[in-house]
Amino acid sequence: MALVGGCAQEAPPSPSPRAVGVVASTTTTPRPSGLPPAPDDATTRAYITALDVIDPRITGGKTDKAVLKGRELCVDVPVMGNDQVRLTALVRERFSPPNDPEALDSRTAASVLSVVREHLCPDY
């Protein structure tokens, strides 16, 4: 049996003019990691004021320390995800006054976490 016409290879289809240069992206923008930058003066004032409204014992008049605690908490937020139980426990541990480690209940800790996220690490 003889083949007639041979076996010609088909040329690969040429791309559509609309598809040339278009690359679909399936990546997402990574979340920041590490300490967020130190806040400017206005952000610091708003942050401290918000914490003092919740409970003045949280800052104890130590602005720099309260800002550092908040920035350090920002590092833990992406690691813990949305595990509110672990995050509020961490807030209670970090922000309770040294002389009253049980000062912050879970509701207060959740409020502190919200203030930290809003003022110091909204992108975390």
PDB file of N, CA and C in Angstrom:
ATOM      1  N   MET A   1       0.857  -1.148   0.000  1.00  0.00           N
ATOM      2  CA  MET A   1       0.000   0.000   0.000  1.00  0.00           C
ATOM      3  C   MET A   1       0.908   1.216   0.000  1.00  0.00           C
ATOM      4  N   ALA A   2       0.691   2.071  -0.947  1.00  0.00           N
ATOM      5  CA  ALA A   2       1.540   3.243  -1.085  1.00  0.00           C
ATOM      6  C   ALA A   2       0.815   4.458  -0.559  1.00  0.00           C
ATOM      7  N   LEU A   3       1.588   5.323   0.048  1.00  0.00           N
ATOM      8  CA  LEU A   3       1.006   6.571   0.545  1.00  0.00           C
ATOM      9  C   LEU A   3       1.047   7.603  -0.556  1.00  0.00           C
ATOM     10  N   VAL A   4      -0.018   8.279  -0.703  1.00  0.00           N
ATOM     11  CA  VAL A   4      -0.077   9.322  -1.719  1.00  0.00           C
ATOM     12  C   VAL A   4      -0.144  10.654  -1.005  1.00  0.00           C
ATOM     13  N   GLY A   5       0.646  11.577  -1.371  1.00  0.00           N
ATOM     14  CA  GLY A   5       0.574  12.920  -0.814  1.00  0.00           C
ATOM     15  C   GLY A   5       1.524  13.138   0.344  1.00  0.00           C
ATOM     16  N   GLY A   6       2.129  12.143   0.877  1.00  0.00           N
ATOM     17  CA  GLY A   6       3.102  12.305   1.953  1.00  0.00           C
ATOM     18  C   GLY A   6       2.479  12.768   3.257  1.00  0.00           C
ATOM     19  N   CYS A   7       3.293  12.885   4.236  1.00  0.00           N
ATOM     20  CA  CYS A   7       2.856  13.305   5.572  1.00  0.00           C
ATOM     21  C   CYS A   7       3.437  14.670   5.870  1.00  0.00           C
ATOM     22  N   ALA A   8       2.801  15.661   5.451  1.00  0.00           N
ATOM     23  CA  ALA A   8       3.305  17.010   5.722  1.00  0.00           C
ATOM     24  C   ALA A   8       2.954  17.395   7.150  1.00  0.00           C
ATOM     25  N   GLN A   9       3.923  18.003   7.808  1.00  0.00           N
ATOM     26  CA  GLN A   9       3.648  18.479   9.168  1.00  0.00           C
ATOM     27  C   GLN A   9       2.896  19.793   9.081  1.00  0.00           C
ATOM     28  N   GLU A  10       1.956  19.923   9.955  1.00  0.00           N
ATOM     29  CA  GLU A  10       1.228  21.179   9.991  1.00  0.00           C
ATOM     30  C   GLU A  10       2.056  22.207  10.737  1.00  0.00           C
ATOM     31  N   ALA A  11       2.031  23.436  10.261  1.00  0.00           N
ATOM     32  CA  ALA A  11       2.738  24.515  10.952  1.00  0.00           C
ATOM     33  C   ALA A  11       1.984  24.834  12.235  1.00  0.00           C
ATOM     34  N   PRO A  12       2.719  25.156  13.282  1.00  0.00           N
ATOM     35  CA  PRO A  12       2.020  25.519  14.519  1.00  0.00           C
ATOM     36  C   PRO A  12       1.187  26.770  14.282  1.00  0.00           C
ATOM     37  N   PRO A  13       0.056  26.836  14.936  1.00  0.00           N
ATOM     38  CA  PRO A  13      -0.798  28.005  14.731  1.00  0.00           C
ATOM     39  C   PRO A  13      -0.078  29.268  15.191  1.00  0.00           C
ATOM     40  N   SER A  14      -0.259  30.329  14.441  1.00  0.00           N
ATOM     41  CA  SER A  14       0.356  31.595  14.854  1.00  0.00           C
ATOM     42  C   SER A  14      -0.547  32.247  15.893  1.00  0.00           C
ATOM     43  N   PRO A  15       0.073  32.962  16.817  1.00  0.00           N
ATOM     44  CA  PRO A  15      -0.734  33.564  17.882  1.00  0.00           C
ATOM     45  C   PRO A  15      -1.655  34.642  17.336  1.00  0.00           C
ATOM     46  N   SER A  16      -2.749  34.773  17.994  1.00  0.00           N
ATOM     47  CA  SER A  16      -3.703  35.813  17.646  1.00  0.00           C
ATOM     48  C   SER A  16      -3.045  37.170  17.884  1.00  0.00           C
ATOM     49  N   PRO A  17      -3.295  38.144  17.018  1.00  0.00           N
ATOM     50  CA  PRO A  17      -2.681  39.463  17.216  1.00  0.00           C
ATOM     51  C   PRO A  17      -3.035  40.061  18.570  1.00  0.00           C
ATOM     52  N   ARG A  18      -4.199  39.733  19.091  1.00  0.00           N
ATOM     53  CA  ARG A  18      -4.594  40.280  20.388  1.00  0.00           C
ATOM     54  C   ARG A  18      -3.859  39.621  21.535  1.00  0.00           C
ATOM     55  N   ALA A  19      -3.389  38.402  21.347  1.00  0.00           N
ATOM     56  CA  ALA A  19      -2.753  37.670  22.433  1.00  0.00           C
ATOM     57  C   ALA A  19      -1.257  37.917  22.524  1.00  0.00           C
ATOM     58  N   VAL A  20      -0.675  38.511  21.504  1.00  0.00           N
ATOM     59  CA  VAL A  20       0.768  38.731  21.505  1.00  0.00           C
ATOM     60  C   VAL A  20       1.127  39.715  22.613  1.00  0.00           C
ATOM     61  N   GLY A  21       2.090  39.329  23.440  1.00  0.00           N
ATOM     62  CA  GLY A  21       2.573  40.210  24.496  1.00  0.00           C
ATOM     63  C   GLY A  21       1.729  40.212  25.754  1.00  0.00           C
ATOM     64  N   VAL A  22       0.676  39.448  25.789  1.00  0.00           N
ATOM     65  CA  VAL A  22      -0.175  39.395  26.965  1.00  0.00           C
ATOM     66  C   VAL A  22       0.192  38.165  27.774  1.00  0.00           C
ATOM     67  N   VAL A  23       0.528  38.386  29.018  1.00  0.00           N
ATOM     68  CA  VAL A  23       0.871  37.275  29.892  1.00  0.00           C
ATOM     69  C   VAL A  23      -0.082  37.308  31.070  1.00  0.00           C
ATOM     70  N   ALA A  24      -0.751  36.223  31.281  1.00  0.00           N
ATOM     71  CA  ALA A  24      -1.666  36.143  32.416  1.00  0.00           C
ATOM     72  C   ALA A  24      -0.852  35.949  33.682  1.00  0.00           C
ATOM     73  N   SER A  25      -1.194  36.688  34.699  1.00  0.00           N
ATOM     74  CA  SER A  25      -0.471  36.589  35.962  1.00  0.00           C
ATOM     75  C   SER A  25      -1.316  35.847  36.975  1.00  0.00           C
ATOM     76  N   THR A  26      -0.714  34.875  37.600  1.00  0.00           N
ATOM     77  CA  THR A  26      -1.417  34.138  38.648  1.00  0.00           C
ATOM     78  C   THR A  26      -0.788  34.411  40.003  1.00  0.00           C
ATOM     79  N   THR A  27       0.162  35.329  40.042  1.00  0.00           N
ATOM     80  CA  THR A  27       0.805  35.633  41.311  1.00  0.00           C
ATOM     81  C   THR A  27       0.055  36.741  42.019  1.00  0.00           C
ATOM     82  N   THR A  28       0.200  36.772  43.308  1.00  0.00           N
ATOM     83  CA  THR A  28      -0.391  37.835  44.094  1.00  0.00           C
ATOM     84  C   THR A  28       0.733  38.652  44.710  1.00  0.00           C
ATOM     85  N   THR A  29       0.415  39.851  45.068  1.00  0.00           N
ATOM     86  CA  THR A  29       1.407  40.701  45.703  1.00  0.00           C
ATOM     87  C   THR A  29       1.696  40.141  47.089  1.00  0.00           C
ATOM     88  N   PRO A  30       2.962  39.895  47.391  1.00  0.00           N
ATOM     89  CA  PRO A  30       3.267  39.339  48.709  1.00  0.00           C
ATOM     90  C   PRO A  30       2.993  40.364  49.809  1.00  0.00           C
ATOM     91  N   ARG A  31       2.609  39.841  50.951  1.00  0.00           N
ATOM     92  CA  ARG A  31       2.397  40.714  52.094  1.00  0.00           C
ATOM     93  C   ARG A  31       3.747  41.174  52.618  1.00  0.00           C
ATOM     94  N   PRO A  32       3.772  42.352  53.203  1.00  0.00           N
ATOM     95  CA  PRO A  32       5.027  42.806  53.788  1.00  0.00           C
ATOM     96  C   PRO A  32       5.449  41.876  54.927  1.00  0.00           C
ATOM     97  N   SER A  33       6.711  41.883  55.222  1.00  0.00           N
ATOM     98  CA  SER A  33       7.195  41.109  56.359  1.00  0.00           C
ATOM     99  C   SER A  33       8.219  41.952  57.097  1.00  0.00           C
ATOM    100  N   GLY A  34       8.537  41.531  58.291  1.00  0.00           N
ATOM    101  CA  GLY A  34       9.472  42.307  59.099  1.00  0.00           C
ATOM    102  C   GLY A  34       8.769  43.479  59.752  1.00  0.00           C
ATOM    103  N   LEU A  35       9.537  44.235  60.514  1.00  0.00           N
ATOM    104  CA  LEU A  35       8.964  45.401  61.183  1.00  0.00           C
ATOM    105  C   LEU A  35       8.495  46.419  60.156  1.00  0.00           C
ATOM    106  N   PRO A  36       7.300  46.958  60.363  1.00  0.00           N
ATOM    107  CA  PRO A  36       6.884  48.041  59.479  1.00  0.00           C
ATOM    108  C   PRO A  36       7.724  49.278  59.796  1.00  0.00           C
ATOM    109  N   PRO A  37       7.759  50.235  58.899  1.00  0.00           N
ATOM    110  CA  PRO A  37       8.535  51.442  59.183  1.00  0.00           C
ATOM    111  C   PRO A  37       7.974  52.171  60.400  1.00  0.00           C
ATOM    112  N   ALA A  38       8.835  52.906  61.066  1.00  0.00           N
ATOM    113  CA  ALA A  38       8.384  53.703  62.213  1.00  0.00           C
ATOM    114  C   ALA A  38       7.348  54.711  61.716  1.00  0.00           C
ATOM    115  N   PRO A  39       6.287  54.894  62.475  1.00  0.00           N
ATOM    116  CA  PRO A  39       5.245  55.828  62.037  1.00  0.00           C
ATOM    117  C   PRO A  39       5.717  57.277  62.146  1.00  0.00           C
ATOM    118  N   ASP A  40       5.103  58.137  61.350  1.00  0.00           N
ATOM    119  CA  ASP A  40       5.404  59.567  61.469  1.00  0.00           C
ATOM    120  C   ASP A  40       4.741  60.098  62.742  1.00  0.00           C
ATOM    121  N   ASP A  41       5.000  61.360  63.061  1.00  0.00           N
ATOM    122  CA  ASP A  41       4.496  61.936  64.316  1.00  0.00           C
ATOM    123  C   ASP A  41       2.973  61.929  64.400  1.00  0.00           C
ATOM    124  N   ALA A  42       2.309  62.269  63.310  1.00  0.00           N
ATOM    125  CA  ALA A  42       0.839  62.313  63.326  1.00  0.00           C
ATOM    126  C   ALA A  42       0.255  60.922  63.554  1.00  0.00           C
ATOM    127  N   THR A  43       0.819  59.919  62.908  1.00  0.00           N
ATOM    128  CA  THR A  43       0.342  58.545  63.082  1.00  0.00           C
ATOM    129  C   THR A  43       0.616  58.065  64.496  1.00  0.00           C
ATOM    130  N   THR A  44       1.778  58.408  65.033  1.00  0.00           N
ATOM    131  CA  THR A  44       2.110  58.025  66.408  1.00  0.00           C
ATOM    132  C   THR A  44       1.104  58.625  67.383  1.00  0.00           C
ATOM    133  N   ARG A  45       0.805  59.911  67.218  1.00  0.00           N
ATOM    134  CA  ARG A  45      -0.168  60.558  68.113  1.00  0.00           C
ATOM    135  C   ARG A  45      -1.536  59.890  68.016  1.00  0.00           C
ATOM    136  N   ALA A  46      -1.981  59.607  66.798  1.00  0.00           N
ATOM    137  CA  ALA A  46      -3.291  58.968  66.616  1.00  0.00           C
ATOM    138  C   ALA A  46      -3.304  57.578  67.247  1.00  0.00           C
ATOM    139  N   TYR A  47      -2.226  56.833  67.074  1.00  0.00           N
ATOM    140  CA  TYR A  47      -2.098  55.482  67.640  1.00  0.00           C
ATOM    141  C   TYR A  47      -2.139  55.535  69.168  1.00  0.00           C
ATOM    142  N   ILE A  48      -1.329  56.394  69.764  1.00  0.00           N
ATOM    143  CA  ILE A  48      -1.271  56.494  71.229  1.00  0.00           C
ATOM    144  C   ILE A  48      -2.607  56.981  71.778  1.00  0.00           C
ATOM    145  N   THR A  49      -3.216  57.943  71.117  1.00  0.00           N
ATOM    146  CA  THR A  49      -4.524  58.436  71.556  1.00  0.00           C
ATOM    147  C   THR A  49      -5.557  57.317  71.530  1.00  0.00           C
ATOM    148  N   ALA A  50      -5.559  56.531  70.464  1.00  0.00           N
ATOM    149  CA  ALA A  50      -6.517  55.423  70.357  1.00  0.00           C
ATOM    150  C   ALA A  50      -6.287  54.388  71.458  1.00  0.00           C
ATOM    151  N   LEU A  51      -5.020  54.082  71.751  1.00  0.00           N
ATOM    152  CA  LEU A  51      -4.734  53.134  72.842  1.00  0.00           C
ATOM    153  C   LEU A  51      -5.157  53.714  74.187  1.00  0.00           C
ATOM    154  N   ASP A  52      -4.893  55.003  74.411  1.00  0.00           N
ATOM    155  CA  ASP A  52      -5.267  55.629  75.685  1.00  0.00           C
ATOM    156  C   ASP A  52      -6.777  55.676  75.872  1.00  0.00           C
ATOM    157  N   VAL A  53      -7.521  55.790  74.779  1.00  0.00           N
ATOM    158  CA  VAL A  53      -8.986  55.757  74.873  1.00  0.00           C
ATOM    159  C   VAL A  53      -9.433  54.374  75.351  1.00  0.00           C
ATOM    160  N   ILE A  54      -8.772  53.343  74.864  1.00  0.00           N
ATOM    161  CA  ILE A  54      -9.112  51.977  75.293  1.00  0.00           C
ATOM    162  C   ILE A  54      -8.786  51.801  76.767  1.00  0.00           C
ATOM    163  N   ASP A  55      -7.558  52.137  77.146  1.00  0.00           N
ATOM    164  CA  ASP A  55      -7.120  52.023  78.543  1.00  0.00           C
ATOM    165  C   ASP A  55      -5.751  52.691  78.660  1.00  0.00           C
ATOM    166  N   PRO A  56      -5.646  53.771  79.426  1.00  0.00           N
ATOM    167  CA  PRO A  56      -4.376  54.492  79.543  1.00  0.00           C
ATOM    168  C   PRO A  56      -3.228  53.643  80.099  1.00  0.00           C
ATOM    169  N   ARG A  57      -3.556  52.568  80.786  1.00  0.00           N
ATOM    170  CA  ARG A  57      -2.491  51.705  81.321  1.00  0.00           C
ATOM    171  C   ARG A  57      -1.728  50.990  80.207  1.00  0.00           C
ATOM    172  N   ILE A  58      -2.324  50.894  79.029  1.00  0.00           N
ATOM    173  CA  ILE A  58      -1.677  50.190  77.917  1.00  0.00           C
ATOM    174  C   ILE A  58      -0.371  50.879  77.535  1.00  0.00           C
ATOM    175  N   THR A  59      -0.400  52.206  77.437  1.00  0.00           N
ATOM    176  CA  THR A  59       0.817  52.934  77.066  1.00  0.00           C
ATOM    177  C   THR A  59       1.626  53.320  78.292  1.00  0.00           C
ATOM    178  N   GLY A  60       0.956  53.558  79.397  1.00  0.00           N
ATOM    179  CA  GLY A  60       1.653  53.962  80.618  1.00  0.00           C
ATOM    180  C   GLY A  60       2.516  55.198  80.415  1.00  0.00           C
ATOM    181  N   GLY A  61       2.161  56.026  79.435  1.00  0.00           N
ATOM    182  CA  GLY A  61       2.931  57.233  79.165  1.00  0.00           C
ATOM    183  C   GLY A  61       4.230  56.975  78.417  1.00  0.00           C
ATOM    184  N   LYS A  62       4.444  55.749  77.994  1.00  0.00           N
ATOM    185  CA  LYS A  62       5.690  55.387  77.301  1.00  0.00           C
ATOM    186  C   LYS A  62       5.400  55.179  75.814  1.00  0.00           C
ATOM    187  N   THR A  63       5.387  56.277  75.095  1.00  0.00           N
ATOM    188  CA  THR A  63       5.036  56.262  73.676  1.00  0.00           C
ATOM    189  C   THR A  63       5.943  55.348  72.864  1.00  0.00           C
ATOM    190  N   ASP A  64       7.253  55.519  73.015  1.00  0.00           N
ATOM    191  CA  ASP A  64       8.194  54.725  72.207  1.00  0.00           C
ATOM    192  C   ASP A  64       8.013  53.232  72.434  1.00  0.00           C
ATOM    193  N   LYS A  65       7.794  52.867  73.683  1.00  0.00           N
ATOM    194  CA  LYS A  65       7.621  51.447  74.008  1.00  0.00           C
ATOM    195  C   LYS A  65       6.323  50.906  73.404  1.00  0.00           C
ATOM    196  N   ALA A  66       5.258  51.690  73.485  1.00  0.00           N
ATOM    197  CA  ALA A  66       3.970  51.261  72.923  1.00  0.00           C
ATOM    198  C   ALA A  66       4.053  51.123  71.402  1.00  0.00           C
ATOM    199  N   VAL A  67       4.781  52.023  70.758  1.00  0.00           N
ATOM    200  CA  VAL A  67       4.944  51.941  69.302  1.00  0.00           C
ATOM    201  C   VAL A  67       5.748  50.696  68.943  1.00  0.00           C
ATOM    202  N   LEU A  68       6.823  50.441  69.673  1.00  0.00           N
ATOM    203  CA  LEU A  68       7.644  49.263  69.383  1.00  0.00           C
ATOM    204  C   LEU A  68       6.846  47.974  69.586  1.00  0.00           C
ATOM    205  N   LYS A  69       6.069  47.901  70.660  1.00  0.00           N
ATOM    206  CA  LYS A  69       5.240  46.707  70.891  1.00  0.00           C
ATOM    207  C   LYS A  69       4.272  46.494  69.729  1.00  0.00           C
ATOM    208  N   GLY A  70       3.685  47.577  69.247  1.00  0.00           N
ATOM    209  CA  GLY A  70       2.752  47.477  68.128  1.00  0.00           C
ATOM    210  C   GLY A  70       3.440  47.035  66.848  1.00  0.00           C
ATOM    211  N   ARG A  71       4.600  47.616  66.573  1.00  0.00           N
ATOM    212  CA  ARG A  71       5.338  47.236  65.362  1.00  0.00           C
ATOM    213  C   ARG A  71       5.766  45.775  65.431  1.00  0.00           C
ATOM    214  N   GLU A  72       6.173  45.320  66.619  1.00  0.00           N
ATOM    215  CA  GLU A  72       6.549  43.906  66.780  1.00  0.00           C
ATOM    216  C   GLU A  72       5.342  42.998  66.565  1.00  0.00           C
ATOM    217  N   LEU A  73       4.175  43.446  67.012  1.00  0.00           N
ATOM    218  CA  LEU A  73       2.954  42.672  66.800  1.00  0.00           C
ATOM    219  C   LEU A  73       2.648  42.555  65.303  1.00  0.00           C
ATOM    220  N   CYS A  74       2.957  43.587  64.548  1.00  0.00           N
ATOM    221  CA  CYS A  74       2.735  43.552  63.098  1.00  0.00           C
ATOM    222  C   CYS A  74       3.479  42.390  62.446  1.00  0.00           C
ATOM    223  N   VAL A  75       4.632  42.041  62.977  1.00  0.00           N
ATOM    224  CA  VAL A  75       5.416  40.929  62.437  1.00  0.00           C
ATOM    225  C   VAL A  75       4.671  39.615  62.647  1.00  0.00           C
ATOM    226  N   ASP A  76       3.963  39.493  63.760  1.00  0.00           N
ATOM    227  CA  ASP A  76       3.268  38.250  64.092  1.00  0.00           C
ATOM    228  C   ASP A  76       1.935  38.088  63.373  1.00  0.00           C
ATOM    229  N   VAL A  77       1.337  39.176  62.940  1.00  0.00           N
ATOM    230  CA  VAL A  77       0.015  39.105  62.303  1.00  0.00           C
ATOM    231  C   VAL A  77       0.021  38.186  61.079  1.00  0.00           C
ATOM    232  N   PRO A  78       0.949  38.344  60.121  1.00  0.00           N
ATOM    233  CA  PRO A  78       0.911  37.440  58.965  1.00  0.00           C
ATOM    234  C   PRO A  78       1.214  35.990  59.324  1.00  0.00           C
ATOM    235  N   VAL A  79       2.036  35.789  60.337  1.00  0.00           N
ATOM    236  CA  VAL A  79       2.401  34.430  60.750  1.00  0.00           C
ATOM    237  C   VAL A  79       1.190  33.710  61.338  1.00  0.00           C
ATOM    238  N   MET A  80       0.410  34.424  62.127  1.00  0.00           N
ATOM    239  CA  MET A  80      -0.742  33.818  62.801  1.00  0.00           C
ATOM    240  C   MET A  80      -2.013  33.891  61.971  1.00  0.00           C
ATOM    241  N   GLY A  81      -1.970  34.626  60.875  1.00  0.00           N
ATOM    242  CA  GLY A  81      -3.148  34.725  60.023  1.00  0.00           C
ATOM    243  C   GLY A  81      -4.312  35.353  60.757  1.00  0.00           C
ATOM    244  N   ASN A  82      -5.456  34.759  60.623  1.00  0.00           N
ATOM    245  CA  ASN A  82      -6.656  35.284  61.276  1.00  0.00           C
ATOM    246  C   ASN A  82      -7.015  34.515  62.535  1.00  0.00           C
ATOM    247  N   ASP A  83      -6.033  33.931  63.178  1.00  0.00           N
ATOM    248  CA  ASP A  83      -6.267  33.193  64.419  1.00  0.00           C
ATOM    249  C   ASP A  83      -6.429  34.198  65.562  1.00  0.00           C
ATOM    250  N   GLN A  84      -7.662  34.680  65.718  1.00  0.00           N
ATOM    251  CA  GLN A  84      -7.950  35.716  66.706  1.00  0.00           C
ATOM    252  C   GLN A  84      -7.610  35.289  68.128  1.00  0.00           C
ATOM    253  N   VAL A  85      -7.778  34.038  68.436  1.00  0.00           N
ATOM    254  CA  VAL A  85      -7.488  33.564  69.795  1.00  0.00           C
ATOM    255  C   VAL A  85      -6.006  33.747  70.099  1.00  0.00           C
ATOM    256  N   ARG A  86      -5.157  33.301  69.184  1.00  0.00           N
ATOM    257  CA  ARG A  86      -3.708  33.437  69.400  1.00  0.00           C
ATOM    258  C   ARG A  86      -3.275  34.898  69.375  1.00  0.00           C
ATOM    259  N   LEU A  87      -3.838  35.674  68.458  1.00  0.00           N
ATOM    260  CA  LEU A  87      -3.456  37.082  68.366  1.00  0.00           C
ATOM    261  C   LEU A  87      -3.871  37.863  69.610  1.00  0.00           C
ATOM    262  N   THR A  88      -5.083  37.639  70.094  1.00  0.00           N
ATOM    263  CA  THR A  88      -5.503  38.370  71.294  1.00  0.00           C
ATOM    264  C   THR A  88      -4.705  37.924  72.514  1.00  0.00           C
ATOM    265  N   ALA A  89      -4.338  36.654  72.572  1.00  0.00           N
ATOM    266  CA  ALA A  89      -3.482  36.190  73.679  1.00  0.00           C
ATOM    267  C   ALA A  89      -2.127  36.889  73.619  1.00  0.00           C
ATOM    268  N   LEU A  90      -1.598  37.050  72.431  1.00  0.00           N
ATOM    269  CA  LEU A  90      -0.317  37.729  72.267  1.00  0.00           C
ATOM    270  C   LEU A  90      -0.429  39.205  72.643  1.00  0.00           C
ATOM    271  N   VAL A  91      -1.523  39.846  72.264  1.00  0.00           N
ATOM    272  CA  VAL A  91      -1.750  41.245  72.642  1.00  0.00           C
ATOM    273  C   VAL A  91      -1.814  41.363  74.157  1.00  0.00           C
ATOM    274  N   ARG A  92      -2.537  40.473  74.801  1.00  0.00           N
ATOM    275  CA  ARG A  92      -2.641  40.512  76.266  1.00  0.00           C
ATOM    276  C   ARG A  92      -1.270  40.372  76.907  1.00  0.00           C
ATOM    277  N   GLU A  93      -0.460  39.485  76.356  1.00  0.00           N
ATOM    278  CA  GLU A  93       0.886  39.263  76.892  1.00  0.00           C
ATOM    279  C   GLU A  93       1.767  40.503  76.708  1.00  0.00           C
ATOM    280  N   ARG A  94       1.714  41.098  75.541  1.00  0.00           N
ATOM    281  CA  ARG A  94       2.616  42.219  75.234  1.00  0.00           C
ATOM    282  C   ARG A  94       2.164  43.557  75.799  1.00  0.00           C
ATOM    283  N   PHE A  95       0.862  43.787  75.851  1.00  0.00           N
ATOM    284  CA  PHE A  95       0.379  45.117  76.189  1.00  0.00           C
ATOM    285  C   PHE A  95      -0.148  45.258  77.610  1.00  0.00           C
ATOM    286  N   SER A  96      -0.288  44.178  78.348  1.00  0.00           N
ATOM    287  CA  SER A  96      -0.736  44.305  79.736  1.00  0.00           C
ATOM    288  C   SER A  96       0.364  44.966  80.555  1.00  0.00           C
ATOM    289  N   PRO A  97      -0.020  45.826  81.491  1.00  0.00           N
ATOM    290  CA  PRO A  97       0.994  46.448  82.348  1.00  0.00           C
ATOM    291  C   PRO A  97       1.753  45.379  83.137  1.00  0.00           C
ATOM    292  N   PRO A  98       3.049  45.574  83.352  1.00  0.00           N
ATOM    293  CA  PRO A  98       3.846  44.563  84.054  1.00  0.00           C
ATOM    294  C   PRO A  98       3.315  44.242  85.450  1.00  0.00           C
ATOM    295  N   ASN A  99       2.744  45.235  86.106  1.00  0.00           N
ATOM    296  CA  ASN A  99       2.236  45.005  87.462  1.00  0.00           C
ATOM    297  C   ASN A  99       0.824  44.430  87.476  1.00  0.00           C
ATOM    298  N   ASP A 100       0.220  44.255  86.295  1.00  0.00           N
ATOM    299  CA  ASP A 100      -1.127  43.693  86.212  1.00  0.00           C
ATOM    300  C   ASP A 100      -1.271  42.888  84.914  1.00  0.00           C
ATOM    301  N   PRO A 101      -0.662  41.692  84.863  1.00  0.00           N
ATOM    302  CA  PRO A 101      -0.655  40.910  83.622  1.00  0.00           C
ATOM    303  C   PRO A 101      -2.039  40.464  83.141  1.00  0.00           C
ATOM    304  N   GLU A 102      -3.029  40.539  83.979  1.00  0.00           N
ATOM    305  CA  GLU A 102      -4.389  40.150  83.587  1.00  0.00           C
ATOM    306  C   GLU A 102      -5.268  41.366  83.307  1.00  0.00           C
ATOM    307  N   ALA A 103      -4.661  42.525  83.120  1.00  0.00           N
ATOM    308  CA  ALA A 103      -5.418  43.770  82.956  1.00  0.00           C
ATOM    309  C   ALA A 103      -6.281  43.788  81.698  1.00  0.00           C
ATOM    310  N   LEU A 104      -5.809  43.167  80.641  1.00  0.00           N
ATOM    311  CA  LEU A 104      -6.557  43.203  79.386  1.00  0.00           C
ATOM    312  C   LEU A 104      -7.376  41.933  79.202  1.00  0.00           C
ATOM    313  N   ASP A 105      -8.684  42.109  79.061  1.00  0.00           N
ATOM    314  CA  ASP A 105      -9.509  40.947  78.733  1.00  0.00           C
ATOM    315  C   ASP A 105      -9.480  40.754  77.211  1.00  0.00           C
ATOM    316  N   SER A 106     -10.115  39.718  76.740  1.00  0.00           N
ATOM    317  CA  SER A 106     -10.074  39.392  75.307  1.00  0.00           C
ATOM    318  C   SER A 106     -10.680  40.487  74.438  1.00  0.00           C
ATOM    319  N   ARG A 107     -11.756  41.090  74.896  1.00  0.00           N
ATOM    320  CA  ARG A 107     -12.401  42.161  74.124  1.00  0.00           C
ATOM    321  C   ARG A 107     -11.471  43.374  74.005  1.00  0.00           C
ATOM    322  N   THR A 108     -10.825  43.737  75.110  1.00  0.00           N
ATOM    323  CA  THR A 108      -9.886  44.862  75.087  1.00  0.00           C
ATOM    324  C   THR A 108      -8.695  44.542  74.194  1.00  0.00           C
ATOM    325  N   ALA A 109      -8.196  43.318  74.289  1.00  0.00           N
ATOM    326  CA  ALA A 109      -7.068  42.901  73.449  1.00  0.00           C
ATOM    327  C   ALA A 109      -7.440  42.968  71.969  1.00  0.00           C
ATOM    328  N   ALA A 110      -8.656  42.581  71.637  1.00  0.00           N
ATOM    329  CA  ALA A 110      -9.109  42.660  70.245  1.00  0.00           C
ATOM    330  C   ALA A 110      -9.160  44.118  69.780  1.00  0.00           C
ATOM    331  N   SER A 111      -9.554  45.019  70.669  1.00  0.00           N
ATOM    332  CA  SER A 111      -9.567  46.450  70.333  1.00  0.00           C
ATOM    333  C   SER A 111      -8.155  46.972  70.101  1.00  0.00           C
ATOM    334  N   VAL A 112      -7.218  46.552  70.942  1.00  0.00           N
ATOM    335  CA  VAL A 112      -5.816  46.955  70.780  1.00  0.00           C
ATOM    336  C   VAL A 112      -5.289  46.440  69.442  1.00  0.00           C
ATOM    337  N   LEU A 113      -5.581  45.194  69.127  1.00  0.00           N
ATOM    338  CA  LEU A 113      -5.142  44.612  67.855  1.00  0.00           C
ATOM    339  C   LEU A 113      -5.678  45.420  66.677  1.00  0.00           C
ATOM    340  N   SER A 114      -6.915  45.819  66.757  1.00  0.00           N
ATOM    341  CA  SER A 114      -7.523  46.622  65.698  1.00  0.00           C
ATOM    342  C   SER A 114      -6.801  47.965  65.536  1.00  0.00           C
ATOM    343  N   VAL A 115      -6.459  48.597  66.648  1.00  0.00           N
ATOM    344  CA  VAL A 115      -5.742  49.877  66.615  1.00  0.00           C
ATOM    345  C   VAL A 115      -4.350  49.697  66.017  1.00  0.00           C
ATOM    346  N   VAL A 116      -3.665  48.636  66.413  1.00  0.00           N
ATOM    347  CA  VAL A 116      -2.329  48.360  65.867  1.00  0.00           C
ATOM    348  C   VAL A 116      -2.414  48.179  64.357  1.00  0.00           C
ATOM    349  N   ARG A 117      -3.349  47.358  63.917  1.00  0.00           N
ATOM    350  CA  ARG A 117      -3.491  47.113  62.470  1.00  0.00           C
ATOM    351  C   ARG A 117      -3.830  48.397  61.716  1.00  0.00           C
ATOM    352  N   GLU A 118      -4.722  49.173  62.263  1.00  0.00           N
ATOM    353  CA  GLU A 118      -5.153  50.400  61.587  1.00  0.00           C
ATOM    354  C   GLU A 118      -4.017  51.409  61.451  1.00  0.00           C
ATOM    355  N   HIS A 119      -3.266  51.614  62.526  1.00  0.00           N
ATOM    356  CA  HIS A 119      -2.281  52.698  62.539  1.00  0.00           C
ATOM    357  C   HIS A 119      -0.864  52.283  62.152  1.00  0.00           C
ATOM    358  N   LEU A 120      -0.476  51.061  62.472  1.00  0.00           N
ATOM    359  CA  LEU A 120       0.927  50.682  62.278  1.00  0.00           C
ATOM    360  C   LEU A 120       1.168  49.706  61.133  1.00  0.00           C
ATOM    361  N   CYS A 121       0.201  48.853  60.858  1.00  0.00           N
ATOM    362  CA  CYS A 121       0.446  47.856  59.796  1.00  0.00           C
ATOM    363  C   CYS A 121      -0.836  47.499  59.044  1.00  0.00           C
ATOM    364  N   PRO A 122      -1.426  48.477  58.371  1.00  0.00           N
ATOM    365  CA  PRO A 122      -2.669  48.193  57.644  1.00  0.00           C
ATOM    366  C   PRO A 122      -2.498  47.210  56.488  1.00  0.00           C
ATOM    367  N   ASP A 123      -1.276  47.032  55.993  1.00  0.00           N
ATOM    368  CA  ASP A 123      -1.046  46.131  54.856  1.00  0.00           C
ATOM    369  C   ASP A 123      -0.644  44.729  55.267  1.00  0.00           C
ATOM    370  N   TYR A 124      -0.572  44.454  56.567  1.00  0.00           N
ATOM    371  CA  TYR A 124      -0.112  43.143  57.044  1.00  0.00           C
ATOM    372  C   TYR A 124      -1.283  42.201  57.204  1.00  0.00           C
TER     373      TYR A 124
END
